[in-house]
Protein backbone atom coordinates (compact mmCIF):
# COMPACT_ATOMS: atom_id res chain seq x y z
CA UNK A 1 1.54 -12.77 -25.99
CA UNK A 2 -0.82 -10.52 -27.97
CA UNK A 3 -1.09 -6.87 -27.08
CA UNK A 4 -4.50 -7.47 -25.44
CA UNK A 5 -3.22 -10.32 -23.33
CA UNK A 6 -1.04 -7.82 -21.48
CA UNK A 7 -4.17 -6.49 -19.76
CA UNK A 8 -4.27 -9.69 -17.78
CA UNK A 9 -0.94 -8.99 -16.20
CA UNK A 10 -1.27 -5.26 -15.94
CA UNK A 11 -4.63 -5.14 -14.26
CA UNK A 12 -3.84 -7.28 -11.29
CA UNK A 13 -5.19 -5.92 -8.01
CA UNK A 14 -1.76 -6.10 -6.32
CA UNK A 15 1.57 -5.02 -7.83
CA UNK A 16 1.99 -4.72 -11.49
CA UNK A 17 5.57 -4.49 -12.69
CA UNK A 18 6.44 -8.00 -13.75
CA UNK A 19 9.98 -7.08 -14.83
CA UNK A 20 12.64 -8.18 -12.38
CA UNK A 21 14.65 -5.02 -12.00
CA UNK A 22 17.35 -6.25 -9.64
CA UNK A 23 19.17 -9.40 -8.53
CA UNK A 24 16.80 -11.42 -6.39
CA UNK A 25 18.23 -13.46 -3.55
CA UNK A 26 16.87 -16.94 -3.13
CA UNK A 27 14.70 -17.45 -0.14
CA UNK A 28 16.46 -19.24 2.71
CA UNK A 29 13.79 -21.83 2.62
CA UNK A 30 10.12 -22.35 1.61
CA UNK A 31 7.35 -23.89 3.62
CA UNK A 32 3.99 -25.23 2.46
CA UNK A 33 0.97 -23.79 4.36
CA UNK A 34 -2.54 -25.18 4.69
CA UNK A 35 -5.57 -23.69 6.37
CA UNK A 36 -7.47 -25.42 9.13
CA UNK A 37 -10.90 -26.93 8.40
CA UNK A 38 -13.49 -26.10 7.30
CA UNK A 39 -11.38 -24.36 4.68
CA UNK A 40 -8.74 -26.11 2.50
CA UNK A 41 -6.77 -23.10 1.24
CA UNK A 42 -3.08 -23.76 0.52
CA UNK A 43 -0.05 -21.58 -0.15
CA UNK A 44 3.61 -21.22 0.56
CA UNK A 45 5.80 -19.19 2.92
CA UNK A 46 8.93 -17.76 1.37
CA UNK A 47 11.32 -17.10 4.21
CA UNK A 48 14.38 -14.82 3.80
CA UNK A 49 16.55 -14.80 6.93
CA UNK A 50 19.41 -12.52 8.05
CA UNK A 51 21.15 -15.44 9.72
CA UNK A 52 20.99 -18.57 7.60
CA UNK A 53 22.65 -20.77 10.30
CA UNK A 54 19.32 -21.24 12.09
CA UNK A 55 15.68 -21.91 11.24
CA UNK A 56 14.50 -19.71 14.15
CA UNK A 57 13.00 -16.38 13.17
CA UNK A 58 14.38 -13.19 14.47
CA UNK A 59 12.22 -10.06 14.72
CA UNK A 60 9.91 -11.55 12.02
CA UNK A 61 8.10 -9.43 9.45
CA UNK A 62 5.23 -11.38 7.81
CA UNK A 63 4.00 -9.92 4.53
CA UNK A 64 0.73 -11.18 3.02
CA UNK A 65 0.20 -10.74 -0.67
CA UNK A 66 -2.96 -9.37 -2.36
CA UNK A 67 -5.20 -10.19 -5.27
CA UNK A 68 -3.02 -11.77 -7.98
CA UNK A 69 -4.94 -12.35 -11.33
CA UNK A 70 -3.86 -15.68 -12.75
CA UNK A 71 -1.87 -16.38 -9.51
CA UNK A 72 1.25 -15.59 -11.55
CA UNK A 73 3.28 -13.97 -8.85
CA UNK A 74 6.14 -16.09 -7.39
CA UNK A 75 9.10 -15.29 -5.19
CA UNK A 76 11.09 -13.27 -7.77
CA UNK A 77 8.14 -10.94 -8.58
CA UNK A 78 7.11 -10.54 -4.95
CA UNK A 79 10.57 -9.79 -3.80
CA UNK A 80 11.21 -7.23 -6.53
CA UNK A 81 8.04 -5.38 -5.74
CA UNK A 82 8.55 -5.49 -1.95
CA UNK A 83 12.11 -4.21 -2.27
CA UNK A 84 11.21 -0.94 -3.94
CA UNK A 85 13.19 1.90 -2.30
CA UNK A 86 15.40 -0.97 -0.83
CA UNK A 87 12.71 -1.71 1.76
CA UNK A 88 13.59 -5.35 2.22
CA UNK A 89 17.32 -4.69 2.11
CA UNK A 90 17.09 -2.05 4.80
CA UNK A 91 14.83 -4.12 7.04
CA UNK A 92 17.26 -6.99 6.74
CA UNK A 93 20.19 -4.74 7.56
CA UNK A 94 18.37 -4.11 10.82
CA UNK A 95 18.01 -7.75 11.71
CA UNK A 96 14.52 -8.49 10.46
CA UNK A 97 13.59 -11.86 8.94
CA UNK A 98 11.16 -11.71 6.09
CA UNK A 99 8.29 -14.16 5.65
CA UNK A 100 6.04 -13.78 2.56
CA UNK A 101 2.74 -15.58 2.27
CA UNK A 102 2.01 -16.43 -1.28
CA UNK A 103 -1.61 -17.69 -1.71
CA UNK A 104 -2.14 -20.75 -3.81
CA UNK A 105 -5.27 -19.02 -5.19
CA UNK A 106 -5.47 -15.34 -4.19
CA UNK A 107 -8.77 -14.99 -6.08
CA UNK A 108 -10.53 -17.57 -3.83
CA UNK A 109 -12.97 -16.78 -1.00
CA UNK A 110 -11.19 -14.18 1.22
CA UNK A 111 -12.39 -15.97 4.34
CA UNK A 112 -10.64 -19.13 3.18
CA UNK A 113 -7.47 -17.19 2.65
CA UNK A 114 -7.95 -15.59 6.05
CA UNK A 115 -7.78 -19.07 7.50
CA UNK A 116 -4.60 -19.64 5.60
CA UNK A 117 -3.25 -16.36 7.00
CA UNK A 118 -3.98 -17.67 10.47
CA UNK A 119 -1.84 -20.73 9.66
CA UNK A 120 0.99 -18.38 8.56
CA UNK A 121 0.84 -16.39 11.83
CA UNK A 122 0.85 -19.62 13.83
CA UNK A 123 3.89 -20.85 11.94
CA UNK A 124 5.83 -17.64 12.62
CA UNK A 125 4.98 -17.79 16.33
CA UNK A 126 6.01 -21.41 16.66
CA UNK A 127 9.42 -20.63 15.02
CA UNK A 128 10.40 -17.38 16.73
CA UNK A 129 13.87 -17.39 18.26
CA UNK A 130 12.81 -15.25 21.21
CA UNK A 131 9.27 -14.36 22.34
CA UNK A 132 10.50 -10.85 23.22
CA UNK A 133 11.40 -10.18 19.60
CA UNK A 134 9.08 -7.79 17.76
CA UNK A 135 6.62 -9.49 15.41
CA UNK A 136 5.17 -7.23 12.63
CA UNK A 137 2.50 -8.31 10.11
CA UNK A 138 1.94 -6.39 6.90
CA UNK A 139 -1.04 -6.99 4.58
CA UNK A 140 -1.02 -5.41 1.13
CA UNK A 141 -4.38 -4.89 -0.55
CA UNK A 142 -6.48 -8.05 -0.13
CA UNK A 143 -3.78 -9.28 2.25
CA UNK A 144 -4.80 -6.53 4.57
CA UNK A 145 -8.24 -8.03 4.75
CA UNK A 146 -7.07 -11.53 5.41
CA UNK A 147 -4.73 -10.41 8.14
CA UNK A 148 -7.46 -8.29 9.78
CA UNK A 149 -9.77 -11.36 9.96
CA UNK A 150 -6.93 -13.68 10.97
CA UNK A 151 -5.74 -11.50 13.88
CA UNK A 152 -9.35 -11.11 15.23
CA UNK A 153 -9.69 -14.92 15.06
CA UNK A 154 -6.39 -15.51 16.89
CA UNK A 155 -6.55 -13.99 20.38
CA UNK A 156 -2.97 -15.02 21.20
CA UNK A 157 -1.37 -14.18 17.88
CA UNK A 158 1.54 -12.18 19.58
CA UNK A 159 1.70 -9.73 16.69
CA UNK A 160 2.99 -6.43 18.03
CA UNK A 161 2.15 -4.26 15.02
CA UNK A 162 -0.26 -4.87 12.09
CA UNK A 163 0.21 -2.59 8.97
CA UNK A 164 -2.65 -2.53 6.49
CA UNK A 165 -1.24 -1.24 3.19
CA UNK A 166 -3.91 0.21 0.85
CA UNK A 167 -6.38 -2.49 1.66
CA UNK A 168 -10.09 -2.20 0.75
CA UNK A 169 -11.72 -2.31 4.15
CA UNK A 170 -14.65 -0.36 2.82
CA UNK A 171 -14.51 -1.86 -0.69
CA UNK A 172 -12.58 -1.56 -3.99
CA UNK A 173 -13.62 0.02 -7.31
CA UNK A 174 -13.17 -1.11 -10.88
CA UNK A 175 -15.25 1.18 -13.08
CA UNK A 176 -18.56 -0.39 -14.03
CA UNK A 177 -18.08 0.83 -17.60
CA UNK A 178 -14.85 -1.19 -17.81
CA UNK A 179 -16.56 -4.30 -16.44
CA UNK A 180 -19.45 -3.96 -18.96
CA UNK A 181 -16.88 -3.46 -21.72
CA UNK A 182 -15.32 -6.84 -20.83
CA UNK A 183 -18.64 -8.53 -20.47
CA UNK A 184 -19.89 -7.36 -23.86
CA UNK A 185 -16.73 -8.09 -25.90
CA UNK A 186 -16.23 -11.50 -24.15
CA UNK A 187 -19.23 -12.64 -26.18
CA UNK A 188 -17.48 -12.07 -29.48
CA UNK A 189 -16.60 -15.52 -30.75
CA UNK A 190 -13.12 -14.72 -32.13
CA UNK A 191 -9.71 -15.87 -30.74
CA UNK A 192 -8.60 -12.24 -30.60
CA UNK A 193 -11.06 -11.72 -27.73
CA UNK A 194 -9.99 -14.73 -25.65
CA UNK A 195 -8.04 -12.61 -23.21
CA UNK A 196 -11.14 -10.55 -22.51
CA UNK A 197 -12.97 -13.71 -21.60
CA UNK A 198 -10.17 -14.63 -19.26
CA UNK A 199 -10.18 -11.23 -17.59
CA UNK A 200 -13.95 -11.42 -17.16
CA UNK A 201 -13.45 -14.72 -15.36
CA UNK A 202 -11.20 -12.97 -12.91
CA UNK A 203 -13.95 -10.42 -12.21
CA UNK A 204 -16.24 -13.22 -11.28
CA UNK A 205 -13.94 -14.90 -8.82
CA UNK A 206 -15.12 -15.08 -5.10
CA UNK A 207 -12.56 -12.42 -3.96
CA UNK A 208 -13.47 -9.96 -6.69
CA UNK A 209 -17.15 -10.27 -6.03
CA UNK A 210 -16.53 -9.80 -2.24
CA UNK A 211 -14.39 -6.64 -2.67
CA UNK A 212 -15.91 -4.61 -5.55
CA UNK A 213 -18.38 -1.85 -4.60
CA UNK A 214 -20.08 -2.22 -8.01
CA UNK A 215 -20.18 -5.39 -10.09
CA UNK A 216 -21.51 -6.18 -13.54
CA UNK A 217 -23.23 -9.33 -12.17
CA UNK A 218 -25.34 -7.55 -9.65
CA UNK A 219 -28.57 -9.05 -8.31
CA UNK A 220 -31.33 -9.17 -10.97
CA UNK A 221 -33.60 -6.94 -8.93
CA UNK A 222 -30.86 -4.39 -8.15
CA UNK A 223 -29.79 -1.48 -10.38
CA UNK A 224 -26.73 -1.81 -12.57
CA UNK A 225 -24.64 0.18 -10.11
CA UNK A 226 -25.02 -2.43 -7.29
CA UNK A 227 -22.49 -4.83 -5.91
CA UNK A 228 -22.54 -8.59 -6.34
CA UNK A 229 -24.72 -10.50 -3.84
CA UNK A 230 -21.63 -11.99 -2.16
CA UNK A 231 -20.36 -8.55 -1.11
CA UNK A 232 -23.03 -7.87 1.43
CA UNK A 233 -22.53 -11.23 3.09
CA UNK A 234 -18.78 -10.59 3.27
CA UNK A 235 -19.35 -7.10 4.62
CA UNK A 236 -21.61 -8.52 7.33
CA UNK A 237 -18.97 -11.08 8.28
CA UNK A 238 -16.16 -8.47 8.48
CA UNK A 239 -18.29 -5.98 10.35
CA UNK A 240 -19.07 -8.65 12.90
CA UNK A 241 -15.43 -9.53 13.20
CA UNK A 242 -14.25 -5.94 13.68
CA UNK A 243 -10.60 -4.99 13.88
CA UNK A 244 -7.74 -6.52 16.06
CA UNK A 245 -7.71 -4.95 19.51
CA UNK A 246 -4.63 -6.53 21.00
CA UNK A 247 -1.88 -5.05 18.80
CA UNK A 248 -0.94 -1.68 17.38
CA UNK A 249 -2.83 -1.12 14.16
CA UNK A 250 -1.62 1.09 11.36
CA UNK A 251 -3.29 1.95 8.05
CA UNK A 252 -1.43 3.35 5.02
CA UNK A 253 -3.27 4.73 2.00
CA UNK A 254 -1.86 5.50 -1.42
CA UNK A 255 -4.71 7.89 -1.92
CA UNK A 256 -4.69 11.65 -1.22
CA UNK A 257 -5.92 12.68 2.21
CA UNK A 258 -6.37 16.24 0.92
CA UNK A 259 -9.48 15.56 -1.14
CA UNK A 260 -7.61 15.46 -4.49
CA UNK A 261 -9.75 13.83 -7.17
CA UNK A 262 -8.63 12.32 -10.41
CA UNK A 263 -8.89 14.84 -13.35
CA UNK A 264 -12.31 13.93 -14.71
CA UNK A 265 -15.97 14.19 -13.61
CA UNK A 266 -18.71 11.60 -13.01
CA UNK A 267 -20.36 10.66 -16.27
CA UNK A 268 -17.49 11.79 -18.48
CA UNK A 269 -16.59 9.83 -21.60
CA UNK A 270 -13.40 8.04 -20.67
CA UNK A 271 -12.57 5.82 -23.63
CA UNK A 272 -13.82 5.71 -27.23
CA UNK A 273 -13.05 2.80 -29.60
CA UNK A 274 -14.15 3.03 -33.19
CA UNK A 275 -13.26 0.84 -36.11
CA UNK A 276 -14.86 0.85 -39.56
CA UNK A 277 -14.14 -2.44 -41.29
CA UNK A 278 -17.20 -2.75 -43.53
CA UNK A 279 -19.34 -5.01 -41.47
CA UNK A 280 -19.02 -8.28 -43.38
CA UNK A 281 -16.03 -10.32 -42.32
CA UNK A 282 -14.27 -7.18 -41.15
CA UNK A 283 -16.46 -5.74 -38.34
CA UNK A 284 -17.63 -2.28 -37.51
CA UNK A 285 -16.87 -1.49 -33.83
CA UNK A 286 -18.16 1.34 -31.74
CA UNK A 287 -17.63 1.33 -28.00
CA UNK A 288 -17.67 3.96 -25.21
CA UNK A 289 -16.75 3.70 -21.58
CA UNK A 290 -18.06 6.43 -19.26
CA UNK A 291 -17.20 7.28 -15.66
CA UNK A 292 -19.83 6.19 -13.16
CA UNK A 293 -22.48 8.91 -12.95
CA UNK A 294 -23.14 10.36 -9.43
CA UNK A 295 -26.81 10.63 -8.66
CA UNK A 296 -29.46 9.37 -6.26
CA UNK A 297 -31.94 8.55 -9.04
CA UNK A 298 -30.96 9.89 -12.51
CA UNK A 299 -29.45 7.15 -14.70
CA UNK A 300 -27.03 7.84 -17.51
CA UNK A 301 -24.76 5.71 -19.67
CA UNK A 302 -21.69 3.90 -18.34
CA UNK A 303 -21.16 1.66 -21.44
CA UNK A 304 -22.22 1.54 -25.06
CA UNK A 305 -21.08 -1.20 -27.38
CA UNK A 306 -21.78 -2.21 -30.99
CA UNK A 307 -19.94 -5.11 -32.76
CA UNK A 308 -21.39 -5.33 -36.25
CA UNK A 309 -20.16 -8.22 -38.36
CA UNK A 310 -21.53 -10.99 -40.53
CA UNK A 311 -22.08 -14.26 -38.64
CA UNK A 312 -20.25 -13.24 -35.43
CA UNK A 313 -21.71 -9.78 -34.74
CA UNK A 314 -23.27 -8.95 -31.37
CA UNK A 315 -26.41 -7.00 -30.61
CA UNK A 316 -25.95 -3.38 -29.70
CA UNK A 317 -25.90 -2.74 -25.99
CA UNK A 318 -26.28 0.28 -23.66
CA UNK A 319 -25.92 0.14 -19.91
CA UNK A 320 -27.43 3.04 -17.91
CA UNK A 321 -27.13 3.40 -14.20
CA UNK A 322 -26.37 5.85 -11.35
CA UNK A 323 -24.63 5.70 -7.96
CA UNK A 324 -24.81 8.07 -4.90
CA UNK A 325 -20.98 8.14 -4.71
CA UNK A 326 -18.42 9.43 -7.15
CA UNK A 327 -16.28 6.31 -7.16
CA UNK A 328 -14.25 6.47 -10.35
CA UNK A 329 -12.53 9.87 -9.72
CA UNK A 330 -12.48 9.70 -5.94
CA UNK A 331 -9.29 10.33 -3.93
CA UNK A 332 -7.54 6.94 -3.64
CA UNK A 333 -4.87 4.54 -4.74
CA UNK A 334 -5.35 4.39 -8.49
CA UNK A 335 -5.05 1.84 -11.24
CA UNK A 336 -4.17 2.49 -14.89
CA UNK A 337 -6.95 0.39 -16.32
CA UNK A 338 -8.15 2.88 -18.97
CA UNK A 339 -4.64 3.29 -20.22
CA UNK A 340 -4.11 -0.56 -20.32
CA UNK A 341 -7.31 -1.10 -22.27
CA UNK A 342 -6.54 1.64 -24.70
CA UNK A 343 -2.96 0.67 -25.46
CA UNK A 344 -3.95 -3.04 -25.86
CA UNK A 345 -6.91 -2.75 -28.12
CA UNK A 346 -6.71 -5.51 -30.86
CA UNK A 347 -4.22 -4.09 -33.43
CA UNK A 348 -6.24 -5.50 -36.30
CA UNK A 349 -9.22 -3.35 -35.25
CA UNK A 350 -7.65 0.11 -34.88
CA UNK A 351 -8.03 2.93 -37.45
CA UNK A 352 -6.96 5.97 -35.44
CA UNK A 353 -10.26 7.32 -34.21
CA UNK A 354 -9.75 5.93 -30.62
CA UNK A 355 -8.96 8.00 -27.55
CA UNK A 356 -8.93 8.14 -23.76
CA UNK A 357 -9.68 11.13 -21.54
CA UNK A 358 -7.70 9.84 -18.49
CA UNK A 359 -5.35 6.97 -17.91
CA UNK A 360 -6.26 6.25 -14.24
CA UNK A 361 -9.24 5.59 -11.99
CA UNK A 362 -9.66 5.26 -8.32
CA UNK A 363 -9.16 1.65 -7.21
CA UNK A 364 -8.96 1.83 -3.41
CA UNK A 365 -10.61 5.03 -2.02
CA UNK A 366 -8.55 6.74 0.58
CA UNK A 367 -11.28 6.33 3.13
CA UNK A 368 -11.55 2.62 2.37
CA UNK A 369 -7.88 2.03 3.02
CA UNK A 370 -8.18 3.85 6.33
CA UNK A 371 -11.35 1.97 7.41
CA UNK A 372 -13.40 5.26 7.35
CA UNK A 373 -17.04 4.90 6.23
CA UNK A 374 -17.28 5.03 2.44
CA UNK A 375 -19.80 7.95 2.66
CA UNK A 376 -16.82 10.16 3.43
CA UNK A 377 -15.23 9.34 0.03
CA UNK A 378 -14.83 12.98 -1.09
CA UNK A 379 -13.67 14.45 2.20
CA UNK A 380 -10.55 16.46 2.76
CA UNK A 381 -9.44 14.24 5.51
CA UNK A 382 -6.40 16.39 6.41
CA UNK A 383 -8.70 19.19 7.50
CA UNK A 384 -10.83 17.00 9.74
CA UNK A 385 -10.41 17.87 13.38
CA UNK A 386 -11.19 14.46 14.76
CA UNK A 387 -9.91 12.20 11.95
CA UNK A 388 -8.59 9.51 14.05
CA UNK A 389 -12.02 9.14 15.69
CA UNK A 390 -13.39 8.16 12.26
CA UNK A 391 -10.99 5.33 11.77
CA UNK A 392 -10.65 2.06 13.70
CA UNK A 393 -6.85 2.23 13.34
CA UNK A 394 -4.46 3.52 15.97
CA UNK A 395 -2.41 5.32 13.38
CA UNK A 396 -3.23 6.38 9.80
CA UNK A 397 -1.19 7.77 6.99
CA UNK A 398 -2.13 8.98 3.45
CA UNK A 399 -0.51 10.45 0.41
CA UNK A 400 -0.55 14.12 -0.62
CA UNK A 401 -1.33 13.29 -4.21
CA UNK A 402 -2.92 10.13 -5.42
CA UNK A 403 -0.42 7.34 -6.03
CA UNK A 404 -0.60 4.00 -7.79
CA UNK A 405 -2.12 1.18 -5.64
CA UNK A 406 0.45 -0.35 -3.24
CA UNK A 407 3.29 1.75 -4.61
CA UNK A 408 6.22 1.81 -2.23
CA UNK A 409 7.93 5.22 -2.33
CA UNK A 410 10.35 7.10 -0.16
CA UNK A 411 7.64 8.65 2.00
CA UNK A 412 5.55 5.57 2.83
CA UNK A 413 8.71 3.44 3.10
CA UNK A 414 9.64 5.60 6.08
CA UNK A 415 6.29 4.93 7.68
CA UNK A 416 6.86 1.17 7.27
CA UNK A 417 10.36 1.29 8.60
CA UNK A 418 9.26 3.26 11.61
CA UNK A 419 6.35 0.79 12.33
CA UNK A 420 8.64 -2.19 12.04
CA UNK A 421 11.65 -0.86 13.95
CA UNK A 422 10.24 1.40 16.70
CA UNK A 423 9.66 0.34 20.27
CA UNK A 424 12.34 -2.45 20.16
CA UNK A 425 15.88 -1.82 21.43
CA UNK A 426 17.99 -4.75 20.18
CA UNK A 427 21.23 -3.70 21.81
CA UNK A 428 19.89 -2.09 24.99
CA UNK A 429 21.65 1.27 24.43
CA UNK A 430 18.56 3.32 25.16
CA UNK A 431 17.72 3.94 21.51
CA UNK A 432 15.15 1.77 19.79
CA UNK A 433 15.97 0.31 16.37
CA UNK A 434 14.20 3.09 14.49
CA UNK A 435 16.25 5.77 16.20
CA UNK A 436 19.37 3.79 15.31
CA UNK A 437 18.12 3.73 11.68
CA UNK A 438 17.67 7.45 11.75
CA UNK A 439 21.11 7.97 13.26
CA UNK A 440 22.84 5.41 11.03
CA UNK A 441 24.18 3.62 14.05
CA UNK A 442 24.35 -0.13 14.53
CA UNK A 443 21.13 -1.68 15.97
CA UNK A 444 23.04 -4.55 17.54
CA UNK A 445 26.03 -2.81 19.09
CA UNK A 446 25.57 -0.75 22.29
CA UNK A 447 28.92 0.98 21.59
CA UNK A 448 27.69 2.29 18.27
CA UNK A 449 25.40 4.96 19.48
CA UNK A 450 24.68 8.67 19.75
CA UNK A 451 26.38 10.76 22.45
CA UNK A 452 23.21 12.40 23.67
CA UNK A 453 24.78 14.86 26.16
CA UNK A 454 28.20 16.58 26.29
CA UNK A 455 29.65 19.38 28.40
CA UNK A 456 32.93 20.85 27.32
CA UNK A 457 35.09 23.63 28.57
CA UNK A 458 36.22 26.09 25.84
CA UNK A 459 38.72 28.98 26.06
CA UNK A 460 37.23 32.34 25.13
CA UNK A 461 39.12 34.88 22.95
CA UNK A 462 37.70 38.34 23.33
CA UNK A 463 34.42 36.69 24.37
CA UNK A 464 34.41 34.39 21.28
CA UNK A 465 34.34 30.62 21.20
CA UNK A 466 34.71 28.22 18.30
CA UNK A 467 33.20 24.74 18.45
CA UNK A 468 33.19 21.79 16.02
CA UNK A 469 31.83 18.24 16.34
CA UNK A 470 30.80 15.29 14.23
CA UNK A 471 27.14 15.28 13.13
CA UNK A 472 24.81 12.40 13.11
CA UNK A 473 22.12 12.24 10.43
CA UNK A 474 18.51 13.10 11.40
CA UNK A 475 19.76 14.72 14.64
CA UNK A 476 19.10 18.19 16.09
CA UNK A 477 21.48 19.82 18.57
CA UNK A 478 20.62 22.21 21.33
CA UNK A 479 23.63 24.41 22.38
CA UNK A 480 23.79 26.17 25.73
CA UNK A 481 26.46 28.19 27.59
CA UNK A 482 27.41 29.04 31.21
CA UNK A 483 30.50 30.63 32.79
CA UNK A 484 30.34 28.25 35.74
CA UNK A 485 28.66 24.81 36.20
CA UNK A 486 26.72 26.01 39.24
CA UNK A 487 25.11 28.83 37.24
CA UNK A 488 22.05 28.60 34.91
CA UNK A 489 22.54 27.55 31.31
CA UNK A 490 21.94 30.16 28.62
CA UNK A 491 20.31 28.75 25.37
CA UNK A 492 22.32 29.78 22.33
CA UNK A 493 20.55 27.94 19.51
CA UNK A 494 18.98 24.76 18.30
CA UNK A 495 20.62 23.42 15.16
CA UNK A 496 18.25 21.36 12.88
CA UNK A 497 19.36 18.13 11.20
CA UNK A 498 21.98 18.46 8.56
CA UNK A 499 23.50 16.27 5.87
CA UNK A 500 26.91 17.70 6.51
CA UNK A 501 29.35 15.35 8.33
CA UNK A 502 30.50 18.10 10.77
CA UNK A 503 28.98 21.06 12.55
CA UNK A 504 31.18 24.17 13.14
CA UNK A 505 29.94 27.11 15.14
CA UNK A 506 31.43 30.39 16.46
CA UNK A 507 29.60 32.24 19.26
CA UNK A 508 30.21 35.85 20.40
CA UNK A 509 29.31 35.94 24.09
CA UNK A 510 28.81 38.74 26.49
CA UNK A 511 31.39 37.40 28.87
CA UNK A 512 34.76 38.59 30.17
CA UNK A 513 35.78 35.13 31.46
CA UNK A 514 38.73 33.40 29.99
CA UNK A 515 36.76 30.16 29.41
CA UNK A 516 33.25 28.85 29.64
CA UNK A 517 31.24 25.69 29.43
CA UNK A 518 29.15 24.57 26.51
CA UNK A 519 26.41 22.02 26.79
CA UNK A 520 25.35 20.12 23.64
CA UNK A 521 22.21 17.99 23.72
CA UNK A 522 21.59 15.71 20.73
CA UNK A 523 18.12 14.42 19.91
CA UNK A 524 17.17 12.05 17.06
CA UNK A 525 14.49 13.62 14.81
CA UNK A 526 12.20 11.79 12.46
CA UNK A 527 12.08 13.65 9.19
CA UNK A 528 8.62 12.22 8.52
CA UNK A 529 6.23 14.20 10.68
CA UNK A 530 2.98 12.45 9.80
């Protein structure tokens, strides 16, 4: 493919890395899915089981994909992207069956794909091995929207926990200057610009028009910084639907919750493309993309383009607008669109005078992923005293620094593992599966567990006692002493979690006794505190 064609792959609204970096297991089986009328959405469920001797689903985890430009994602790509940080591998090692919903057309009407998501939830419920098993549903990006609508529409969905992963509940952002760039150069009647025309078509799909906060094809009577007409209708529908109330709801944002913006300002020049070919058969090109200006009434330029050539030249175009919110540099899960455009400019039309000011832009504002009104887009959420009151979710998580949209990393992987494994004790040993994960013990063997309480008698030598015991990971230990079991316990210390396999301690005690009793209390500790 040409350099410019790579933009179509790299600007997808879900995951981006199309290289399969690891061996991908084949799904145990695949099931076709169809929505109920009045919609006719179709897709497939990729099912990866821990026990391939049955078709029944054990502790199912349903994952719903997001916006996939060109609908090019298949099982290998989806698995590779889901298994970052070995997420799928670890979930399967704790007895979770994975079900991935792959939309036949992820760019279609979101409400149609919500109906398809309902069908996926119903399939999982009808094939569960045990109704007491935990059912977790995860929606990434657009998939978070379809799951939200589906669970509201299914009062008996039996989902225990819904995880919304960097989903645009309050809208998504692709810089208007970028959209106008594609609209302008899509009119150049040269094969080199065919990929631009294809990308513009993706911007005009129903799902994109429903999600984007600003859209190049705004209503004729609205300013250039407005959304497409379909967005307000979609917002009204989702507002009326609300959020699921009969399951635990968790929102994860890849955006900073500390008010960290991207390193540029509203109205800044973000990309400049200049080529001087002479203007006859070899064109002169001058194009600028600016960050969306922030203002209530003062318009400034977001795009300027001039393609001057004999026969196939285009009229010069300038787009001016304003917006009350600073969308392009806001805290949020980012996309690398500026970089992708710059590195994939047509190689025949480059002469070295091109540059970009920043590679990234905000795609899913932090507040949008957390369901917080978009007016709070610049807030330092971490300092907000009543943050959970702003969000419709039971539990919210955000990054320290802005991360790439739907990036799975060590920190948010732990949030996902906790949400999936907690509150379900598979082997009945008193520790839920997440605590077993922290301890490294077997989730399905009651004999493989933590000794939470021990009292041992130790001989004292000149008032000194030496103790040693095996250490579990992610476990703190409280150590106490008494000369007699009918006397009060004296706290000696609390030992924080250690990566060492053993703990050795020597205590000098104010005791003349020949022996004493030590009490050791072990408690699993989650290293992720937020």
